[in-house]
Amino acid sequence: MRWEDRGAIGYRGVQELPAIITDLDINRPIWDSSHLYADAFVSYRTRVRNKVRTTFQLNVRNFSENGRIQPVYANPDGSIAAYRTIDPRLFVFTATFNF
């Protein structure tokens, strides 16, 4: 489990539009919401022909994500200026053989 608490992605301007915003008000942050990310895995161990130890494992990263864009920076007027891509869930299957 990974947790990201809400974070400030910018600050509102001291001046209001349509004036030109030249100063930022640190008491009025623009917040991004909090996020929870979960990973999961399942594994199975067996022997092939009673000699070769074998492990099969399935890992899932970002179990509850479908993929999206997340704001990372906001202008002083509140509009979003930059985004980052949050990858959708990722499945990784591995097989390990020990002779």
N, C-alpha and C. Protein backbone atom coordinates (compact mmCIF):
# COMPACT_ATOMS: atom_id res chain seq x y z
N MET A 1 0.84 -1.17 0.00
CA MET A 1 0.00 0.00 0.00
C MET A 1 0.89 1.23 0.00
N ARG A 2 0.49 2.20 -0.81
CA ARG A 2 1.16 3.50 -0.84
C ARG A 2 0.11 4.57 -0.71
N TRP A 3 0.36 5.56 0.13
CA TRP A 3 -0.59 6.63 0.38
C TRP A 3 0.06 7.97 0.05
N GLU A 4 -0.63 8.78 -0.74
CA GLU A 4 -0.23 10.16 -0.99
C GLU A 4 -1.30 11.04 -0.38
N ASP A 5 -0.92 11.83 0.59
CA ASP A 5 -1.87 12.76 1.18
C ASP A 5 -2.10 13.91 0.21
N ARG A 6 -3.12 14.69 0.47
CA ARG A 6 -3.37 15.82 -0.42
C ARG A 6 -2.15 16.73 -0.41
N GLY A 7 -1.88 17.35 -1.52
CA GLY A 7 -0.69 18.20 -1.63
C GLY A 7 -1.02 19.48 -2.36
N ALA A 8 -0.32 20.54 -2.02
CA ALA A 8 -0.49 21.82 -2.68
C ALA A 8 0.18 21.76 -4.05
N ILE A 9 -0.56 22.12 -5.09
CA ILE A 9 0.00 22.14 -6.45
C ILE A 9 0.13 23.56 -6.97
N GLY A 10 -0.15 24.53 -6.12
CA GLY A 10 -0.02 25.93 -6.48
C GLY A 10 -0.68 26.80 -5.43
N TYR A 11 -0.63 28.10 -5.64
CA TYR A 11 -1.24 29.07 -4.72
C TYR A 11 -2.05 30.08 -5.50
N ARG A 12 -3.15 30.51 -4.92
CA ARG A 12 -3.98 31.56 -5.53
C ARG A 12 -3.23 32.88 -5.48
N GLY A 13 -3.58 33.75 -6.41
CA GLY A 13 -2.95 35.06 -6.46
C GLY A 13 -3.57 36.01 -5.46
N VAL A 14 -2.78 36.98 -5.01
CA VAL A 14 -3.30 38.03 -4.13
C VAL A 14 -4.29 38.90 -4.91
N GLN A 15 -3.95 39.24 -6.14
CA GLN A 15 -4.83 40.03 -7.00
C GLN A 15 -5.89 39.10 -7.63
N GLU A 16 -7.04 39.63 -7.91
CA GLU A 16 -8.11 38.88 -8.57
C GLU A 16 -8.15 39.25 -10.05
N LEU A 17 -8.53 38.29 -10.87
CA LEU A 17 -8.69 38.56 -12.30
C LEU A 17 -9.79 39.59 -12.50
N PRO A 18 -9.72 40.45 -13.46
CA PRO A 18 -8.84 40.47 -14.63
C PRO A 18 -7.51 41.18 -14.42
N ALA A 19 -7.15 41.56 -13.21
CA ALA A 19 -5.86 42.19 -12.95
C ALA A 19 -4.73 41.19 -13.21
N ILE A 20 -3.56 41.70 -13.42
CA ILE A 20 -2.39 40.85 -13.60
C ILE A 20 -1.94 40.36 -12.22
N ILE A 21 -1.82 39.04 -12.07
CA ILE A 21 -1.44 38.46 -10.78
C ILE A 21 0.08 38.47 -10.67
N THR A 22 0.58 39.23 -9.70
CA THR A 22 2.03 39.35 -9.52
C THR A 22 2.50 38.76 -8.19
N ASP A 23 1.58 38.56 -7.24
CA ASP A 23 1.95 38.01 -5.93
C ASP A 23 1.08 36.80 -5.63
N LEU A 24 1.65 35.84 -4.90
CA LEU A 24 0.92 34.64 -4.51
C LEU A 24 0.56 34.73 -3.03
N ASP A 25 -0.63 34.22 -2.70
CA ASP A 25 -1.11 34.20 -1.32
C ASP A 25 -0.85 32.82 -0.73
N ILE A 26 0.15 32.70 0.16
CA ILE A 26 0.52 31.38 0.69
C ILE A 26 -0.54 30.83 1.64
N ASN A 27 -1.52 31.64 2.00
CA ASN A 27 -2.61 31.17 2.87
C ASN A 27 -3.77 30.58 2.07
N ARG A 28 -3.68 30.59 0.74
CA ARG A 28 -4.74 30.05 -0.12
C ARG A 28 -4.16 29.05 -1.12
N PRO A 29 -3.74 27.88 -0.66
CA PRO A 29 -3.17 26.88 -1.59
C PRO A 29 -4.25 26.24 -2.45
N ILE A 30 -3.83 25.73 -3.59
CA ILE A 30 -4.68 24.94 -4.47
C ILE A 30 -4.28 23.48 -4.23
N TRP A 31 -5.22 22.66 -3.78
CA TRP A 31 -4.93 21.30 -3.34
C TRP A 31 -5.25 20.27 -4.41
N ASP A 32 -4.43 19.23 -4.47
CA ASP A 32 -4.75 18.02 -5.20
C ASP A 32 -5.27 17.02 -4.16
N SER A 33 -6.15 16.13 -4.55
CA SER A 33 -6.73 15.18 -3.59
C SER A 33 -5.72 14.11 -3.20
N SER A 34 -6.03 13.38 -2.15
CA SER A 34 -5.17 12.29 -1.70
C SER A 34 -5.40 11.06 -2.58
N HIS A 35 -4.40 10.15 -2.57
CA HIS A 35 -4.46 8.96 -3.42
C HIS A 35 -3.95 7.75 -2.65
N LEU A 36 -4.57 6.61 -2.90
CA LEU A 36 -4.15 5.34 -2.32
C LEU A 36 -3.82 4.39 -3.46
N TYR A 37 -2.64 3.80 -3.41
CA TYR A 37 -2.21 2.85 -4.42
C TYR A 37 -1.95 1.51 -3.73
N ALA A 38 -2.38 0.43 -4.36
CA ALA A 38 -2.22 -0.90 -3.77
C ALA A 38 -1.55 -1.84 -4.77
N ASP A 39 -0.65 -2.67 -4.26
CA ASP A 39 -0.02 -3.73 -5.04
C ASP A 39 -0.42 -5.07 -4.44
N ALA A 40 -0.39 -6.11 -5.24
CA ALA A 40 -0.74 -7.45 -4.74
C ALA A 40 0.07 -8.49 -5.50
N PHE A 41 0.24 -9.64 -4.87
CA PHE A 41 0.90 -10.75 -5.55
C PHE A 41 0.36 -12.07 -5.01
N VAL A 42 0.50 -13.09 -5.84
CA VAL A 42 0.17 -14.45 -5.43
C VAL A 42 1.24 -15.36 -6.04
N SER A 43 1.67 -16.36 -5.26
CA SER A 43 2.69 -17.26 -5.78
C SER A 43 2.30 -18.71 -5.47
N TYR A 44 2.86 -19.61 -6.26
CA TYR A 44 2.61 -21.05 -6.11
C TYR A 44 3.93 -21.78 -6.31
N ARG A 45 4.28 -22.65 -5.35
CA ARG A 45 5.51 -23.44 -5.43
C ARG A 45 5.16 -24.91 -5.61
N THR A 46 5.91 -25.54 -6.48
CA THR A 46 5.70 -26.96 -6.75
C THR A 46 7.02 -27.58 -7.21
N ARG A 47 6.99 -28.88 -7.45
CA ARG A 47 8.15 -29.58 -8.02
C ARG A 47 7.70 -30.21 -9.34
N VAL A 48 8.56 -30.07 -10.34
CA VAL A 48 8.29 -30.69 -11.63
C VAL A 48 9.10 -31.98 -11.68
N ARG A 49 8.42 -33.11 -11.87
CA ARG A 49 9.02 -34.45 -11.92
C ARG A 49 9.81 -34.75 -10.64
N ASN A 50 9.37 -34.19 -9.54
CA ASN A 50 9.97 -34.40 -8.22
C ASN A 50 11.44 -34.00 -8.14
N LYS A 51 11.94 -33.22 -9.09
CA LYS A 51 13.34 -32.80 -9.08
C LYS A 51 13.50 -31.28 -9.15
N VAL A 52 12.77 -30.65 -10.03
CA VAL A 52 12.95 -29.22 -10.29
C VAL A 52 11.97 -28.41 -9.44
N ARG A 53 12.53 -27.63 -8.52
CA ARG A 53 11.67 -26.74 -7.72
C ARG A 53 11.24 -25.58 -8.60
N THR A 54 9.95 -25.34 -8.63
CA THR A 54 9.39 -24.33 -9.52
C THR A 54 8.49 -23.39 -8.73
N THR A 55 8.61 -22.10 -9.02
CA THR A 55 7.76 -21.09 -8.40
C THR A 55 7.12 -20.26 -9.50
N PHE A 56 5.80 -20.14 -9.44
CA PHE A 56 5.06 -19.26 -10.34
C PHE A 56 4.55 -18.09 -9.51
N GLN A 57 4.73 -16.88 -10.01
CA GLN A 57 4.29 -15.71 -9.25
C GLN A 57 3.65 -14.70 -10.18
N LEU A 58 2.52 -14.14 -9.73
CA LEU A 58 1.82 -13.07 -10.45
C LEU A 58 1.82 -11.83 -9.56
N ASN A 59 2.42 -10.75 -10.05
CA ASN A 59 2.45 -9.47 -9.34
C ASN A 59 1.53 -8.49 -10.07
N VAL A 60 0.80 -7.70 -9.30
CA VAL A 60 -0.06 -6.66 -9.87
C VAL A 60 0.31 -5.35 -9.19
N ARG A 61 0.77 -4.39 -9.99
CA ARG A 61 1.13 -3.07 -9.48
C ARG A 61 -0.02 -2.11 -9.77
N ASN A 62 -0.30 -1.22 -8.83
CA ASN A 62 -1.43 -0.27 -8.94
C ASN A 62 -2.73 -1.01 -9.21
N PHE A 63 -3.05 -1.89 -8.30
CA PHE A 63 -4.18 -2.82 -8.43
C PHE A 63 -5.50 -2.13 -8.77
N SER A 64 -5.75 -0.97 -8.21
CA SER A 64 -7.05 -0.31 -8.40
C SER A 64 -7.03 0.82 -9.43
N GLU A 65 -5.94 0.97 -10.18
CA GLU A 65 -5.84 2.06 -11.15
C GLU A 65 -6.28 1.63 -12.54
N ASN A 66 -6.97 2.54 -13.23
CA ASN A 66 -7.35 2.32 -14.62
C ASN A 66 -6.53 3.18 -15.57
N GLY A 67 -5.66 4.02 -15.01
CA GLY A 67 -4.88 4.95 -15.82
C GLY A 67 -5.62 6.28 -15.89
N ARG A 68 -4.88 7.36 -15.69
CA ARG A 68 -5.48 8.70 -15.71
C ARG A 68 -4.38 9.73 -15.75
N ILE A 69 -4.78 10.98 -15.86
CA ILE A 69 -3.82 12.07 -15.71
C ILE A 69 -4.12 12.78 -14.40
N GLN A 70 -3.07 13.24 -13.73
CA GLN A 70 -3.20 13.86 -12.42
C GLN A 70 -2.56 15.24 -12.47
N PRO A 71 -3.25 16.27 -12.00
CA PRO A 71 -2.65 17.61 -12.01
C PRO A 71 -1.48 17.69 -11.03
N VAL A 72 -0.42 18.40 -11.45
CA VAL A 72 0.76 18.57 -10.59
C VAL A 72 1.12 20.04 -10.40
N TYR A 73 0.50 20.93 -11.18
CA TYR A 73 0.80 22.36 -11.04
C TYR A 73 -0.44 23.15 -11.45
N ALA A 74 -0.75 24.18 -10.68
CA ALA A 74 -1.89 25.04 -10.98
C ALA A 74 -1.44 26.50 -11.07
N ASN A 75 -2.06 27.22 -11.97
CA ASN A 75 -1.80 28.66 -12.11
C ASN A 75 -2.46 29.41 -10.95
N PRO A 76 -2.05 30.64 -10.70
CA PRO A 76 -2.64 31.43 -9.60
C PRO A 76 -4.15 31.67 -9.74
N ASP A 77 -4.69 31.54 -10.95
CA ASP A 77 -6.14 31.72 -11.12
C ASP A 77 -6.91 30.43 -10.87
N GLY A 78 -6.21 29.32 -10.57
CA GLY A 78 -6.85 28.05 -10.29
C GLY A 78 -6.88 27.08 -11.45
N SER A 79 -6.53 27.51 -12.65
CA SER A 79 -6.51 26.60 -13.79
C SER A 79 -5.29 25.69 -13.71
N ILE A 80 -5.45 24.47 -14.20
CA ILE A 80 -4.37 23.48 -14.15
C ILE A 80 -3.39 23.76 -15.29
N ALA A 81 -2.09 23.78 -14.95
CA ALA A 81 -1.06 24.10 -15.94
C ALA A 81 -0.24 22.88 -16.36
N ALA A 82 -0.13 21.85 -15.52
CA ALA A 82 0.68 20.69 -15.85
C ALA A 82 0.06 19.44 -15.24
N TYR A 83 0.23 18.32 -15.94
CA TYR A 83 -0.30 17.03 -15.52
C TYR A 83 0.80 15.99 -15.57
N ARG A 84 0.60 14.87 -14.87
CA ARG A 84 1.44 13.69 -15.03
C ARG A 84 0.53 12.51 -15.32
N THR A 85 1.08 11.51 -15.96
CA THR A 85 0.32 10.31 -16.31
C THR A 85 0.47 9.27 -15.20
N ILE A 86 -0.65 8.76 -14.71
CA ILE A 86 -0.65 7.66 -13.76
C ILE A 86 -0.92 6.40 -14.58
N ASP A 87 0.05 5.49 -14.55
CA ASP A 87 -0.07 4.27 -15.36
C ASP A 87 -1.19 3.37 -14.84
N PRO A 88 -1.84 2.65 -15.74
CA PRO A 88 -2.86 1.68 -15.29
C PRO A 88 -2.18 0.49 -14.62
N ARG A 89 -2.99 -0.41 -14.09
CA ARG A 89 -2.43 -1.58 -13.40
C ARG A 89 -1.51 -2.34 -14.34
N LEU A 90 -0.50 -2.94 -13.75
CA LEU A 90 0.51 -3.67 -14.50
C LEU A 90 0.59 -5.09 -13.96
N PHE A 91 0.47 -6.07 -14.84
CA PHE A 91 0.56 -7.48 -14.48
C PHE A 91 1.93 -8.01 -14.89
N VAL A 92 2.62 -8.68 -13.96
CA VAL A 92 3.91 -9.30 -14.25
C VAL A 92 3.86 -10.74 -13.77
N PHE A 93 4.08 -11.67 -14.69
CA PHE A 93 4.08 -13.10 -14.36
C PHE A 93 5.51 -13.61 -14.48
N THR A 94 6.00 -14.30 -13.44
CA THR A 94 7.34 -14.87 -13.48
C THR A 94 7.29 -16.35 -13.11
N ALA A 95 8.19 -17.08 -13.71
CA ALA A 95 8.36 -18.50 -13.38
C ALA A 95 9.84 -18.71 -13.08
N THR A 96 10.13 -19.34 -11.93
CA THR A 96 11.50 -19.57 -11.50
C THR A 96 11.72 -21.07 -11.36
N PHE A 97 12.81 -21.55 -11.94
CA PHE A 97 13.14 -22.97 -11.91
C PHE A 97 14.49 -23.14 -11.21
N ASN A 98 14.55 -24.01 -10.21
CA ASN A 98 15.79 -24.31 -9.49
C ASN A 98 16.15 -25.78 -9.71
N PHE A 99 17.29 -26.00 -10.33
CA PHE A 99 17.72 -27.37 -10.63
C PHE A 99 18.62 -27.90 -9.55
